[in-house]
Amino acid sequence: MDHAFFRLPDGRAWIGEGPFAEASTAPEAAAFYINDFTLTDPKPWKIPARLIEIKNVSQLEEWLRAFNPPRILWQKPETQWFKMVFRRIRKDVLAHRLRKMVPVLTERGTLTEGDMIFLLRRVFDAPQGFWGYARIRDGEGFLGATPELLFQQKGAHLETMALAGTAKPSGAEDFAHDIKEIDEHEIVARFLEESLREVAVVHRQPREVSIAGSLTHFRTRFTAELNPPYESEGACIKRLHPTPAVGSLPRDEAALKKLMDYREQLGAPSFFGAPFGFKSEGEFHCAVAIRGVSWSGDEVALPCGCGIVAASAFDHEWRELRQKREAVAKLLGI
C-alpha cells in the first residue's frame, strides 16, 4: 500500500500508485509534491509508478471496494497545555514581538474497526471549492479536503489566496464587520502581497466572505505575473510557506522556532499546514493541508489551528477550535 491522491475543486482527481521515484526539483512527468510543515524532505517530488485519473465516483468505489468505513473512539482534548501556549503567544503579541502565531490543537482517537483509507470517498465528494489530498503507506497516512490554496502556477502566471478569519459560532451575520477577524485576515493578505511583489506584478481582489463547508472565512484572491526569469514551483513554495494563516508573523528564525516548539509540545502532526501539490501538463496546484486527519496503526489524530492576535480571547479561540474539529468530522463522516 503506497498511494498519493489529489483532487481539484472542479472535481478532477488522480491517484498515484507506488513505488514512487523521488526528485529534488519538479520533473517533467506528472508528480505529487509531498513534504512536512518544515520542508525537511530534500526530495519532495514523488513520481508515481502508475497514475490513474479518477473520472467518477463509481471508479473510486471500485478501487475502495476492499475497505470498510472506519469507526473512531475520540478523546476530547484538555485545555491545560493549549491555554499555556495561548498565554505565551498572546504575551509576545502584546509586547510587539509577534503580530500573529497559529498554534495547533490535536484531538486524539482510536480506530476500533474499518479502514481510514475508506475516507478517500468523502474527500472525493468534498464540496466544490475544496482541494482533496492524501498520502497512504502501509498502515499510516493522512488525508483531507482543504479550502485553502497556497498557489497554483502555470509558467509565469500564479494565483493564490489569503484565507483567514473564522466566523464565531452563530455569529456569521456580524462576521463581515468583525474587527478582530478582519485584522487577522489582513495580516495574511499583506504578507502574500508583499512577498510576491518582490518577484512579480501582483493584482489584489477585494476581500470577500467565503463559505467553506460548515465554516465561514474571509478570502482575498491574488493573481501575479512572475518577473523573468520566473521562480520555479519549489522556490515559490519556500517563498510563501508558511503563510501567517498557518504560521507566524514575523516569519524570522526566532518566531518559527517558537512556532515549532509549540507544535511539538501540543503534538501537531507534521502534515498539518504543510504544502501538498500535484503537477501535470505544465500546471502545478499546491494546497495547504488543513481540514484533515492522520493515522498510524489504530492511533488517529485530528488537528486544527487558530490565529492568535492582540484581540484574541481564550474562550473564543477554544470554541473556534471545537468548531473546526466538528467541521472536519462532518466533512469526513467520522
Protein backbone atom coordinates (compact mmCIF):
# COMPACT_ATOMS: atom_id res chain seq x y z
CA MET A 1 0.00 0.00 0.00
CA ASP A 2 1.76 3.12 -1.27
CA HIS A 3 -0.53 5.78 -2.73
CA ALA A 4 -0.99 9.52 -3.15
CA PHE A 5 -4.19 11.34 -4.09
CA PHE A 6 -5.07 14.84 -5.26
CA ARG A 7 -8.41 16.40 -6.20
CA LEU A 8 -9.04 19.80 -7.78
CA PRO A 9 -12.02 21.99 -6.84
CA ASP A 10 -13.65 21.21 -10.20
CA GLY A 11 -13.76 17.50 -9.30
CA ARG A 12 -10.83 16.21 -11.37
CA ALA A 13 -8.78 13.77 -9.31
CA TRP A 14 -5.79 11.46 -9.57
CA ILE A 15 -4.41 8.50 -7.61
CA GLY A 16 -0.72 7.75 -7.84
CA GLU A 17 0.49 4.22 -7.13
CA GLY A 18 3.95 3.40 -5.86
CA PRO A 19 6.72 2.67 -5.77
CA PHE A 20 7.42 6.40 -6.13
CA ALA A 21 10.58 7.82 -7.64
CA GLU A 22 11.79 10.93 -5.81
CA ALA A 23 13.28 14.21 -7.06
CA SER A 24 14.55 17.43 -5.51
CA THR A 25 13.16 19.58 -8.34
CA ALA A 26 9.93 19.38 -10.31
CA PRO A 27 10.14 16.71 -13.02
CA GLU A 28 8.62 16.86 -16.48
CA ALA A 29 6.42 13.86 -15.65
CA ALA A 30 3.28 14.12 -13.53
CA ALA A 31 4.25 14.22 -9.87
CA PHE A 32 2.96 14.92 -6.37
CA TYR A 33 4.65 17.43 -4.08
CA ILE A 34 4.56 15.99 -0.54
CA ASN A 35 6.50 17.47 2.35
CA ASP A 36 6.14 18.16 6.06
CA PHE A 37 5.46 21.53 7.64
CA THR A 38 9.15 22.38 7.98
CA LEU A 39 10.00 21.24 4.42
CA THR A 40 12.63 18.80 5.66
CA ASP A 41 12.33 16.32 2.78
CA PRO A 42 15.16 17.08 0.30
CA LYS A 43 13.30 15.16 -2.42
CA PRO A 44 9.64 16.15 -2.02
CA TRP A 45 8.60 15.46 -5.61
CA LYS A 46 7.06 11.98 -5.73
CA ILE A 47 6.69 10.44 -9.19
CA PRO A 48 4.23 7.52 -9.23
CA ALA A 49 4.89 4.26 -10.98
CA ARG A 50 1.30 4.49 -12.23
CA LEU A 51 -1.10 7.44 -12.35
CA ILE A 52 -4.87 6.88 -12.50
CA GLU A 53 -7.28 9.70 -13.29
CA ILE A 54 -10.49 9.26 -11.29
CA LYS A 55 -13.30 10.44 -13.53
CA ASN A 56 -16.34 9.41 -11.48
CA VAL A 57 -17.27 8.17 -8.04
CA SER A 58 -18.08 4.65 -9.22
CA GLN A 59 -14.49 4.28 -10.40
CA LEU A 60 -13.26 5.29 -6.94
CA GLU A 61 -15.75 2.98 -5.23
CA GLU A 62 -14.42 0.08 -7.29
CA TRP A 63 -10.91 0.97 -6.16
CA LEU A 64 -12.05 1.11 -2.50
CA ARG A 65 -14.25 -1.98 -2.55
CA ALA A 66 -11.96 -3.97 -0.23
CA PHE A 67 -12.17 -1.35 2.56
CA ASN A 68 -14.81 -0.61 5.20
CA PRO A 69 -15.90 2.68 6.83
CA PRO A 70 -13.83 3.46 9.93
CA ARG A 71 -15.18 3.80 13.44
CA ILE A 72 -13.13 6.00 15.77
CA LEU A 73 -13.38 6.42 19.53
CA TRP A 74 -12.44 10.06 20.20
CA GLN A 75 -10.95 11.55 23.34
CA LYS A 76 -11.69 15.27 23.78
CA PRO A 77 -8.58 17.43 24.23
CA GLU A 78 -7.88 19.11 27.56
CA THR A 79 -7.37 22.85 27.89
CA GLN A 80 -4.29 22.93 30.14
CA TRP A 81 -1.41 22.80 27.64
CA PHE A 82 -3.15 24.80 24.96
CA LYS A 83 -4.04 27.53 27.47
CA MET A 84 -0.37 27.78 28.46
CA VAL A 85 0.71 28.14 24.83
CA PHE A 86 -2.08 30.66 24.15
CA ARG A 87 -0.94 32.86 27.05
CA ARG A 88 2.70 32.77 25.96
CA ILE A 89 1.87 33.70 22.37
CA ARG A 90 -0.51 36.47 23.38
CA LYS A 91 2.12 37.87 25.76
CA ASP A 92 4.56 38.08 22.84
CA VAL A 93 1.90 39.70 20.67
CA LEU A 94 1.08 42.35 23.28
CA ALA A 95 4.83 43.01 23.70
CA HIS A 96 5.06 43.53 19.91
CA ARG A 97 7.45 40.62 19.46
CA LEU A 98 4.81 38.92 17.30
CA ARG A 99 1.91 40.09 15.15
CA LYS A 100 0.32 36.66 14.86
CA MET A 101 1.01 32.98 15.52
CA VAL A 102 -1.04 29.84 14.86
CA PRO A 103 -0.77 27.07 17.49
CA VAL A 104 -2.24 23.65 16.66
CA LEU A 105 -4.51 21.64 18.93
CA THR A 106 -4.94 17.93 18.17
CA GLU A 107 -7.81 15.68 19.15
CA ARG A 108 -6.80 12.01 19.51
CA GLY A 109 -8.78 8.92 18.74
CA THR A 110 -8.54 5.14 18.43
CA LEU A 111 -9.59 3.28 15.29
CA THR A 112 -11.83 0.48 16.55
CA GLU A 113 -12.84 -1.01 13.20
CA GLY A 114 -12.77 -0.34 9.47
CA ASP A 115 -10.13 1.37 7.32
CA MET A 116 -9.04 5.01 7.24
CA ILE A 117 -8.36 4.76 3.51
CA PHE A 118 -12.13 4.46 3.03
CA LEU A 119 -12.33 8.20 3.79
CA LEU A 120 -10.98 8.90 0.30
CA ARG A 121 -14.61 8.52 -0.75
CA ARG A 122 -15.54 11.51 1.41
CA VAL A 123 -12.53 13.52 0.21
CA PHE A 124 -13.56 12.92 -3.40
CA ASP A 125 -17.10 14.08 -2.54
CA ALA A 126 -15.96 17.26 -0.77
CA PRO A 127 -17.89 20.42 -1.71
CA GLN A 128 -16.96 22.43 -4.76
CA GLY A 129 -14.08 24.76 -3.98
CA PHE A 130 -12.09 22.22 -1.95
CA TRP A 131 -8.76 20.61 -2.82
CA GLY A 132 -8.51 16.96 -1.76
CA TYR A 133 -5.24 15.33 -0.71
CA ALA A 134 -3.97 12.04 0.71
CA ARG A 135 -0.77 10.09 1.33
CA ILE A 136 -1.20 6.47 2.43
CA ARG A 137 1.58 3.99 3.14
CA ASP A 138 1.36 0.62 4.92
CA GLY A 139 -0.91 1.33 7.87
CA GLU A 140 -0.28 5.04 8.18
CA GLY A 141 -1.05 8.22 6.32
CA PHE A 142 -3.06 11.42 6.22
CA LEU A 143 -5.87 12.84 4.12
CA GLY A 144 -8.29 15.71 3.99
CA ALA A 145 -10.12 18.32 1.95
CA THR A 146 -8.95 21.91 2.25
CA PRO A 147 -10.45 25.21 1.09
CA GLU A 148 -7.03 26.90 1.23
CA LEU A 149 -4.80 27.23 -1.82
CA LEU A 150 -1.14 28.06 -1.29
CA PHE A 151 -0.79 28.84 -5.00
CA GLN A 152 -1.27 27.46 -8.49
CA GLN A 153 1.20 28.19 -11.24
CA LYS A 154 1.47 27.76 -14.97
CA GLY A 155 4.63 29.27 -16.40
CA ALA A 156 4.86 32.87 -15.22
CA HIS A 157 1.22 33.09 -14.13
CA LEU A 158 0.48 32.46 -10.46
CA GLU A 159 -2.70 32.61 -8.39
CA THR A 160 -3.00 32.50 -4.61
CA MET A 161 -5.35 33.46 -1.80
CA ALA A 162 -5.47 34.64 1.77
CA LEU A 163 -7.98 32.54 3.70
CA ALA A 164 -8.08 33.60 7.33
CA GLY A 165 -10.53 34.79 9.93
CA THR A 166 -13.33 32.48 11.06
CA ALA A 167 -16.91 33.38 11.94
CA LYS A 168 -17.87 32.97 15.58
CA PRO A 169 -20.37 30.18 16.29
CA SER A 170 -23.86 31.51 15.49
CA GLY A 171 -22.33 34.87 14.59
CA ALA A 172 -21.86 34.72 10.83
CA GLU A 173 -24.26 37.62 10.26
CA ASP A 174 -21.85 40.03 12.04
CA PHE A 175 -18.70 38.49 10.60
CA ALA A 176 -18.17 40.99 7.77
CA HIS A 177 -17.65 43.76 10.34
CA ASP A 178 -15.64 41.85 12.98
CA ILE A 179 -12.52 43.99 13.55
CA LYS A 180 -10.51 41.17 15.16
CA GLU A 181 -11.20 38.74 12.32
CA ILE A 182 -10.52 41.40 9.66
CA ASP A 183 -7.17 42.19 11.30
CA GLU A 184 -6.24 38.50 11.44
CA HIS A 185 -7.10 38.15 7.76
CA GLU A 186 -5.28 41.29 6.64
CA ILE A 187 -2.05 40.10 8.28
CA VAL A 188 -2.11 37.14 5.88
CA ALA A 189 -3.19 39.16 2.86
CA ARG A 190 -0.46 41.79 3.32
CA PHE A 191 2.18 39.08 3.76
CA LEU A 192 1.22 37.43 0.46
CA GLU A 193 1.10 40.71 -1.42
CA GLU A 194 4.45 41.93 -0.08
CA SER A 195 6.17 38.57 -0.65
CA LEU A 196 5.00 38.32 -4.25
CA ARG A 197 5.78 41.95 -5.14
CA GLU A 198 9.46 41.10 -4.73
CA VAL A 199 9.28 38.83 -7.80
CA ALA A 200 6.04 39.63 -9.64
CA VAL A 201 3.43 42.14 -10.72
CA VAL A 202 0.57 41.48 -8.30
CA HIS A 203 -3.14 42.19 -8.58
CA ARG A 204 -5.30 42.01 -5.45
CA GLN A 205 -9.04 41.46 -5.50
CA PRO A 206 -11.40 42.79 -2.80
CA ARG A 207 -11.79 40.88 0.45
CA GLU A 208 -14.88 38.68 0.44
CA VAL A 209 -16.78 36.41 2.80
CA SER A 210 -16.32 32.77 1.79
CA ILE A 211 -18.40 29.81 2.97
CA ALA A 212 -16.23 26.69 3.08
CA GLY A 213 -18.33 23.72 4.09
CA SER A 214 -19.77 24.50 7.52
CA LEU A 215 -17.28 27.30 8.27
CA THR A 216 -17.18 30.92 7.14
CA HIS A 217 -13.92 32.78 6.45
CA PHE A 218 -12.59 35.90 4.80
CA ARG A 219 -10.88 35.31 1.44
CA THR A 220 -8.76 37.60 -0.71
CA ARG A 221 -7.61 36.38 -4.11
CA PHE A 222 -4.39 37.43 -5.84
CA THR A 223 -3.08 36.98 -9.36
CA ALA A 224 0.56 37.57 -10.22
CA GLU A 225 2.76 37.60 -13.28
CA LEU A 226 6.24 36.49 -12.25
CA ASN A 227 9.16 38.56 -13.45
CA PRO A 228 11.63 36.80 -15.79
CA PRO A 229 13.41 34.58 -15.09
CA TYR A 230 10.41 33.45 -13.06
CA GLU A 231 10.74 31.38 -9.93
CA SER A 232 10.22 27.62 -10.00
CA GLU A 233 7.41 25.88 -8.17
CA GLY A 234 9.79 24.82 -5.40
CA ALA A 235 11.10 28.37 -4.96
CA CYS A 236 7.56 29.73 -4.75
CA ILE A 237 6.72 27.20 -2.04
CA LYS A 238 9.68 28.36 0.04
CA ARG A 239 8.75 32.00 -0.57
CA LEU A 240 5.15 31.63 0.59
CA HIS A 241 5.13 28.76 3.10
CA PRO A 242 4.26 29.02 5.89
CA THR A 243 1.92 31.96 5.44
CA PRO A 244 0.64 33.62 8.64
CA ALA A 245 -2.59 31.66 8.10
CA VAL A 246 -0.80 28.59 9.47
CA GLY A 247 2.50 30.02 10.72
CA SER A 248 3.60 33.29 12.26
CA LEU A 249 4.40 36.91 11.57
CA PRO A 250 7.18 37.85 11.58
CA ARG A 251 8.46 34.76 9.81
CA ASP A 252 12.03 35.04 11.06
CA GLU A 253 14.11 32.24 12.53
CA ALA A 254 13.25 33.04 16.16
CA ALA A 255 9.49 33.15 15.55
CA LEU A 256 9.48 29.96 13.51
CA LYS A 257 11.48 28.18 16.21
CA LYS A 258 8.88 29.19 18.79
CA LEU A 259 6.13 28.03 16.48
CA MET A 260 7.74 24.63 16.01
CA ASP A 261 8.36 24.29 19.74
CA TYR A 262 4.65 24.90 20.37
CA ARG A 263 3.61 22.48 17.63
CA GLU A 264 5.85 19.81 19.20
CA GLN A 265 4.57 20.48 22.73
CA LEU A 266 0.97 20.17 21.55
CA GLY A 267 1.65 17.10 19.37
CA ALA A 268 0.73 18.58 15.99
CA PRO A 269 1.04 16.07 13.12
CA SER A 270 3.79 17.06 10.69
CA PHE A 271 1.42 17.11 7.70
CA PHE A 272 -0.87 19.77 9.15
CA GLY A 273 -0.49 23.11 7.38
CA ALA A 274 2.16 21.73 5.02
CA PRO A 275 2.07 22.28 1.25
CA PHE A 276 0.64 19.38 -0.76
CA GLY A 277 0.64 19.64 -4.54
CA PHE A 278 0.22 17.97 -7.89
CA LYS A 279 1.86 18.86 -11.20
CA SER A 280 0.66 17.66 -14.59
CA GLU A 281 0.90 19.03 -18.13
CA GLY A 282 2.74 22.15 -17.01
CA GLU A 283 0.25 23.17 -14.31
CA PHE A 284 1.07 23.00 -10.62
CA HIS A 285 -1.60 23.12 -7.92
CA CYS A 286 -0.44 23.42 -4.32
CA ALA A 287 -2.92 23.34 -1.42
CA VAL A 288 -2.45 23.92 2.29
CA ALA A 289 -3.06 20.62 4.10
CA ILE A 290 -5.68 21.57 6.68
CA ARG A 291 -9.15 20.07 7.36
CA GLY A 292 -7.73 16.55 7.60
CA VAL A 293 -6.72 13.63 9.78
CA SER A 294 -3.66 11.44 10.13
CA TRP A 295 -3.17 7.95 11.49
CA SER A 296 -0.57 5.36 12.36
CA GLY A 297 -1.92 1.91 13.07
CA ASP A 298 -5.03 2.45 15.21
CA GLU A 299 -3.93 5.87 16.51
CA VAL A 300 -5.78 8.74 14.83
CA ALA A 301 -5.15 12.50 15.07
CA LEU A 302 -7.43 15.38 14.10
CA PRO A 303 -5.51 18.69 14.27
CA CYS A 304 -6.75 22.25 13.89
CA GLY A 305 -5.22 25.68 14.40
CA CYS A 306 -6.29 29.18 15.38
CA GLY A 307 -4.62 32.52 14.77
CA ILE A 308 -3.71 34.46 17.90
CA VAL A 309 -3.53 38.25 17.55
CA ALA A 310 -3.74 41.13 20.03
CA ALA A 311 -7.55 40.97 20.27
CA SER A 312 -7.72 37.18 20.78
CA ALA A 313 -9.54 35.78 23.81
CA PHE A 314 -9.01 32.22 25.02
CA ASP A 315 -12.68 31.26 25.28
CA HIS A 316 -13.36 32.39 21.71
CA GLU A 317 -10.32 30.56 20.31
CA TRP A 318 -11.24 27.39 22.21
CA ARG A 319 -14.74 27.50 20.71
CA GLU A 320 -13.30 28.13 17.26
CA LEU A 321 -11.04 25.09 17.57
CA ARG A 322 -14.03 22.93 18.51
CA GLN A 323 -15.99 24.34 15.59
CA LYS A 324 -13.15 23.47 13.19
CA ARG A 325 -12.83 19.91 14.53
CA GLU A 326 -16.56 19.43 14.17
CA ALA A 327 -16.38 20.70 10.58
CA VAL A 328 -13.68 18.14 9.73
CA ALA A 329 -15.62 15.33 11.42
CA LYS A 330 -18.74 16.27 9.43
CA LEU A 331 -16.82 16.55 6.17
CA LEU A 332 -15.18 13.14 6.57
CA GLY A 333 -18.08 11.39 8.27
CA ILE A 334 -16.12 10.49 11.39
